[in-house]
Amino acid sequence: MLDLFKTKIGRLRILAILEGISLLTLVFIAVPLKYGFGNPSFVKMMGPIHGTLFLLFLFNTLSVGVEQHWKFKETTWKVILACFIPFGTFYIDKKILSRL
């Protein structure tokens, strides 16, 4: 696990996992608490955390894509699209990032 911190792709994989967890937390816990039980406090806490992780993931994806000479139509857009879909970053980590 500590080896992931040594490379840009490793750090991107860590960000993918953290961003995926934050998205799932928002979608399946925070939003139901807000609209089902009238408690918006968890959304107020998780929203900025998820937003920060989302932007870090996007910027790092573009940075790694340029550095690794990824073709946008083949790899980069798939990795970027993954962060908009629940469980998407986990899938992209398994299918693309872990093989690089």
N, C-alpha and C. Protein backbone atom coordinates (compact mmCIF):
# COMPACT_ATOMS: atom_id res chain seq x y z
N MET A 1 0.82 -1.20 0.00
CA MET A 1 0.00 0.00 0.00
C MET A 1 0.87 1.26 0.00
N LEU A 2 1.94 1.25 0.77
CA LEU A 2 2.81 2.42 0.82
C LEU A 2 3.50 2.68 -0.50
N ASP A 3 3.63 1.65 -1.33
CA ASP A 3 4.24 1.84 -2.66
C ASP A 3 3.40 2.74 -3.54
N LEU A 4 2.09 2.81 -3.29
CA LEU A 4 1.21 3.65 -4.10
C LEU A 4 1.56 5.13 -3.97
N PHE A 5 2.11 5.54 -2.84
CA PHE A 5 2.44 6.95 -2.62
C PHE A 5 3.67 7.39 -3.41
N LYS A 6 4.42 6.44 -3.96
CA LYS A 6 5.68 6.77 -4.62
C LYS A 6 5.53 7.20 -6.07
N THR A 7 4.41 6.89 -6.70
CA THR A 7 4.22 7.24 -8.11
C THR A 7 2.95 8.06 -8.29
N LYS A 8 2.88 8.79 -9.40
CA LYS A 8 1.68 9.59 -9.68
C LYS A 8 0.48 8.70 -9.92
N ILE A 9 0.69 7.58 -10.60
CA ILE A 9 -0.44 6.66 -10.84
C ILE A 9 -0.91 6.05 -9.53
N GLY A 10 0.01 5.75 -8.64
CA GLY A 10 -0.36 5.24 -7.32
C GLY A 10 -1.17 6.24 -6.53
N ARG A 11 -0.74 7.49 -6.58
CA ARG A 11 -1.50 8.54 -5.88
C ARG A 11 -2.86 8.75 -6.52
N LEU A 12 -2.94 8.61 -7.84
CA LEU A 12 -4.23 8.72 -8.53
C LEU A 12 -5.15 7.58 -8.10
N ARG A 13 -4.60 6.40 -7.92
CA ARG A 13 -5.40 5.25 -7.46
C ARG A 13 -5.94 5.50 -6.06
N ILE A 14 -5.12 6.07 -5.18
CA ILE A 14 -5.57 6.39 -3.83
C ILE A 14 -6.68 7.43 -3.88
N LEU A 15 -6.50 8.46 -4.71
CA LEU A 15 -7.53 9.49 -4.86
C LEU A 15 -8.82 8.89 -5.42
N ALA A 16 -8.70 7.95 -6.34
CA ALA A 16 -9.88 7.30 -6.92
C ALA A 16 -10.68 6.58 -5.84
N ILE A 17 -10.00 5.88 -4.97
CA ILE A 17 -10.68 5.17 -3.90
C ILE A 17 -11.33 6.14 -2.92
N LEU A 18 -10.59 7.17 -2.51
CA LEU A 18 -11.14 8.15 -1.57
C LEU A 18 -12.31 8.91 -2.18
N GLU A 19 -12.19 9.30 -3.46
CA GLU A 19 -13.28 10.01 -4.13
C GLU A 19 -14.50 9.11 -4.26
N GLY A 20 -14.29 7.85 -4.57
CA GLY A 20 -15.40 6.91 -4.68
C GLY A 20 -16.12 6.72 -3.35
N ILE A 21 -15.36 6.60 -2.28
CA ILE A 21 -15.96 6.45 -0.95
C ILE A 21 -16.75 7.70 -0.58
N SER A 22 -16.20 8.88 -0.88
CA SER A 22 -16.91 10.12 -0.53
C SER A 22 -18.19 10.27 -1.34
N LEU A 23 -18.18 9.87 -2.61
CA LEU A 23 -19.39 9.94 -3.43
C LEU A 23 -20.46 8.98 -2.90
N LEU A 24 -20.05 7.76 -2.57
CA LEU A 24 -21.01 6.79 -2.02
C LEU A 24 -21.57 7.24 -0.69
N THR A 25 -20.72 7.86 0.13
CA THR A 25 -21.18 8.38 1.42
C THR A 25 -22.23 9.47 1.21
N LEU A 26 -21.98 10.35 0.25
CA LEU A 26 -22.96 11.39 -0.04
C LEU A 26 -24.27 10.82 -0.57
N VAL A 27 -24.16 9.94 -1.56
CA VAL A 27 -25.36 9.44 -2.24
C VAL A 27 -26.20 8.53 -1.36
N PHE A 28 -25.55 7.65 -0.61
CA PHE A 28 -26.30 6.64 0.13
C PHE A 28 -26.50 6.91 1.61
N ILE A 29 -25.79 7.89 2.16
CA ILE A 29 -25.97 8.20 3.58
C ILE A 29 -26.39 9.65 3.79
N ALA A 30 -25.59 10.60 3.30
CA ALA A 30 -25.83 12.01 3.60
C ALA A 30 -27.11 12.54 2.98
N VAL A 31 -27.33 12.25 1.70
CA VAL A 31 -28.53 12.77 1.03
C VAL A 31 -29.80 12.15 1.60
N PRO A 32 -29.85 10.83 1.84
CA PRO A 32 -31.06 10.30 2.51
C PRO A 32 -31.30 10.89 3.89
N LEU A 33 -30.23 11.14 4.64
CA LEU A 33 -30.41 11.79 5.95
C LEU A 33 -30.99 13.19 5.79
N LYS A 34 -30.52 13.91 4.77
CA LYS A 34 -30.99 15.27 4.56
C LYS A 34 -32.46 15.30 4.15
N TYR A 35 -32.81 14.54 3.14
CA TYR A 35 -34.17 14.62 2.60
C TYR A 35 -35.15 13.67 3.29
N GLY A 36 -34.67 12.58 3.84
CA GLY A 36 -35.57 11.65 4.52
C GLY A 36 -35.83 12.00 5.96
N PHE A 37 -34.83 12.57 6.61
CA PHE A 37 -34.95 12.84 8.04
C PHE A 37 -34.76 14.31 8.39
N GLY A 38 -34.56 15.14 7.38
CA GLY A 38 -34.42 16.57 7.61
C GLY A 38 -33.15 16.96 8.35
N ASN A 39 -32.10 16.18 8.20
CA ASN A 39 -30.84 16.45 8.88
C ASN A 39 -29.74 16.75 7.86
N PRO A 40 -29.52 18.02 7.53
CA PRO A 40 -28.54 18.36 6.50
C PRO A 40 -27.09 18.46 6.99
N SER A 41 -26.83 18.17 8.25
CA SER A 41 -25.49 18.39 8.80
C SER A 41 -24.42 17.50 8.14
N PHE A 42 -24.77 16.26 7.81
CA PHE A 42 -23.78 15.37 7.20
C PHE A 42 -23.45 15.81 5.77
N VAL A 43 -24.45 16.34 5.06
CA VAL A 43 -24.19 16.86 3.71
C VAL A 43 -23.28 18.08 3.80
N LYS A 44 -23.51 18.93 4.78
CA LYS A 44 -22.66 20.12 4.96
C LYS A 44 -21.22 19.74 5.28
N MET A 45 -21.04 18.62 5.96
CA MET A 45 -19.69 18.18 6.29
C MET A 45 -19.05 17.46 5.10
N MET A 46 -19.77 16.54 4.47
CA MET A 46 -19.20 15.71 3.41
C MET A 46 -19.12 16.42 2.07
N GLY A 47 -19.97 17.39 1.83
CA GLY A 47 -19.98 18.10 0.55
C GLY A 47 -18.64 18.71 0.18
N PRO A 48 -18.05 19.53 1.04
CA PRO A 48 -16.75 20.11 0.72
C PRO A 48 -15.63 19.07 0.63
N ILE A 49 -15.70 18.03 1.44
CA ILE A 49 -14.68 16.98 1.38
C ILE A 49 -14.75 16.28 0.03
N HIS A 50 -15.97 15.92 -0.37
CA HIS A 50 -16.14 15.26 -1.67
C HIS A 50 -15.74 16.19 -2.82
N GLY A 51 -16.11 17.45 -2.73
CA GLY A 51 -15.76 18.40 -3.77
C GLY A 51 -14.26 18.54 -3.93
N THR A 52 -13.54 18.59 -2.83
CA THR A 52 -12.08 18.69 -2.87
C THR A 52 -11.47 17.43 -3.48
N LEU A 53 -11.94 16.27 -3.05
CA LEU A 53 -11.42 15.01 -3.60
C LEU A 53 -11.75 14.88 -5.09
N PHE A 54 -12.93 15.33 -5.48
CA PHE A 54 -13.36 15.29 -6.87
C PHE A 54 -12.42 16.13 -7.74
N LEU A 55 -12.14 17.36 -7.31
CA LEU A 55 -11.25 18.23 -8.07
C LEU A 55 -9.82 17.70 -8.10
N LEU A 56 -9.34 17.20 -6.97
CA LEU A 56 -8.00 16.60 -6.95
C LEU A 56 -7.91 15.42 -7.91
N PHE A 57 -8.97 14.60 -7.94
CA PHE A 57 -8.99 13.45 -8.84
C PHE A 57 -8.96 13.92 -10.30
N LEU A 58 -9.76 14.91 -10.63
CA LEU A 58 -9.79 15.42 -12.01
C LEU A 58 -8.43 15.98 -12.42
N PHE A 59 -7.87 16.84 -11.59
CA PHE A 59 -6.58 17.46 -11.93
C PHE A 59 -5.47 16.42 -12.03
N ASN A 60 -5.47 15.45 -11.13
CA ASN A 60 -4.45 14.42 -11.17
C ASN A 60 -4.64 13.49 -12.36
N THR A 61 -5.88 13.23 -12.75
CA THR A 61 -6.13 12.42 -13.94
C THR A 61 -5.56 13.10 -15.17
N LEU A 62 -5.83 14.38 -15.31
CA LEU A 62 -5.30 15.12 -16.46
C LEU A 62 -3.77 15.18 -16.42
N SER A 63 -3.20 15.38 -15.24
CA SER A 63 -1.75 15.44 -15.10
C SER A 63 -1.11 14.10 -15.47
N VAL A 64 -1.64 13.01 -14.95
CA VAL A 64 -1.10 11.69 -15.26
C VAL A 64 -1.32 11.37 -16.73
N GLY A 65 -2.47 11.74 -17.27
CA GLY A 65 -2.75 11.49 -18.68
C GLY A 65 -1.75 12.16 -19.60
N VAL A 66 -1.40 13.39 -19.29
CA VAL A 66 -0.41 14.11 -20.09
C VAL A 66 0.97 13.48 -19.91
N GLU A 67 1.32 13.21 -18.67
CA GLU A 67 2.64 12.64 -18.38
C GLU A 67 2.82 11.25 -19.01
N GLN A 68 1.78 10.44 -18.97
CA GLN A 68 1.86 9.07 -19.48
C GLN A 68 1.49 8.96 -20.97
N HIS A 69 1.17 10.10 -21.57
CA HIS A 69 0.78 10.15 -22.99
C HIS A 69 -0.45 9.29 -23.29
N TRP A 70 -1.44 9.36 -22.38
CA TRP A 70 -2.68 8.65 -22.62
C TRP A 70 -3.40 9.29 -23.80
N LYS A 71 -4.02 8.49 -24.62
CA LYS A 71 -4.89 9.02 -25.67
C LYS A 71 -6.22 9.36 -25.01
N PHE A 72 -6.68 10.59 -25.21
CA PHE A 72 -7.88 11.05 -24.53
C PHE A 72 -9.07 10.15 -24.83
N LYS A 73 -9.25 9.78 -26.11
CA LYS A 73 -10.41 8.98 -26.50
C LYS A 73 -10.35 7.54 -25.99
N GLU A 74 -9.16 7.07 -25.63
CA GLU A 74 -9.04 5.69 -25.19
C GLU A 74 -9.02 5.52 -23.67
N THR A 75 -8.38 6.44 -22.97
CA THR A 75 -8.18 6.25 -21.53
C THR A 75 -8.68 7.41 -20.68
N THR A 76 -8.22 8.61 -20.97
CA THR A 76 -8.47 9.75 -20.08
C THR A 76 -9.95 10.00 -19.85
N TRP A 77 -10.76 9.99 -20.88
CA TRP A 77 -12.18 10.29 -20.70
C TRP A 77 -12.87 9.22 -19.86
N LYS A 78 -12.42 7.96 -19.95
CA LYS A 78 -13.02 6.90 -19.15
C LYS A 78 -12.73 7.12 -17.67
N VAL A 79 -11.50 7.52 -17.37
CA VAL A 79 -11.12 7.75 -15.99
C VAL A 79 -11.88 8.95 -15.43
N ILE A 80 -12.01 10.00 -16.22
CA ILE A 80 -12.76 11.18 -15.78
C ILE A 80 -14.24 10.86 -15.59
N LEU A 81 -14.82 10.14 -16.52
CA LEU A 81 -16.24 9.77 -16.43
C LEU A 81 -16.52 8.95 -15.18
N ALA A 82 -15.57 8.14 -14.77
CA ALA A 82 -15.77 7.26 -13.62
C ALA A 82 -16.10 8.00 -12.34
N CYS A 83 -15.60 9.22 -12.18
CA CYS A 83 -15.85 9.92 -10.92
C CYS A 83 -17.25 10.52 -10.85
N PHE A 84 -18.01 10.43 -11.91
CA PHE A 84 -19.40 10.91 -11.90
C PHE A 84 -20.39 9.80 -11.58
N ILE A 85 -19.94 8.55 -11.58
CA ILE A 85 -20.81 7.39 -11.43
C ILE A 85 -20.49 6.70 -10.11
N PRO A 86 -21.50 6.43 -9.28
CA PRO A 86 -21.22 5.66 -8.06
C PRO A 86 -20.57 4.33 -8.42
N PHE A 87 -19.56 3.95 -7.69
CA PHE A 87 -18.73 2.75 -7.90
C PHE A 87 -17.84 2.85 -9.13
N GLY A 88 -17.91 3.94 -9.88
CA GLY A 88 -17.13 4.08 -11.11
C GLY A 88 -15.64 4.13 -10.88
N THR A 89 -15.21 4.82 -9.84
CA THR A 89 -13.77 4.91 -9.60
C THR A 89 -13.18 3.57 -9.16
N PHE A 90 -13.98 2.76 -8.49
CA PHE A 90 -13.50 1.43 -8.10
C PHE A 90 -13.33 0.55 -9.33
N TYR A 91 -14.28 0.65 -10.24
CA TYR A 91 -14.21 -0.12 -11.49
C TYR A 91 -13.00 0.31 -12.33
N ILE A 92 -12.82 1.61 -12.48
CA ILE A 92 -11.72 2.14 -13.30
C ILE A 92 -10.37 1.79 -12.66
N ASP A 93 -10.31 1.79 -11.34
CA ASP A 93 -9.07 1.39 -10.67
C ASP A 93 -8.73 -0.06 -11.00
N LYS A 94 -9.72 -0.91 -10.96
CA LYS A 94 -9.50 -2.34 -11.24
C LYS A 94 -9.17 -2.60 -12.70
N LYS A 95 -9.90 -1.95 -13.62
CA LYS A 95 -9.77 -2.25 -15.05
C LYS A 95 -8.64 -1.49 -15.76
N ILE A 96 -8.32 -0.27 -15.30
CA ILE A 96 -7.31 0.53 -16.02
C ILE A 96 -6.11 0.87 -15.14
N LEU A 97 -6.36 1.53 -14.02
CA LEU A 97 -5.25 2.08 -13.22
C LEU A 97 -4.35 1.02 -12.62
N SER A 98 -4.90 -0.10 -12.19
CA SER A 98 -4.07 -1.13 -11.55
C SER A 98 -3.16 -1.82 -12.56
N ARG A 99 -3.47 -1.70 -13.84
CA ARG A 99 -2.66 -2.35 -14.88
C ARG A 99 -1.55 -1.46 -15.43
N LEU A 100 -1.52 -0.21 -15.01
CA LEU A 100 -0.49 0.72 -15.50
C LEU A 100 0.78 0.64 -14.69
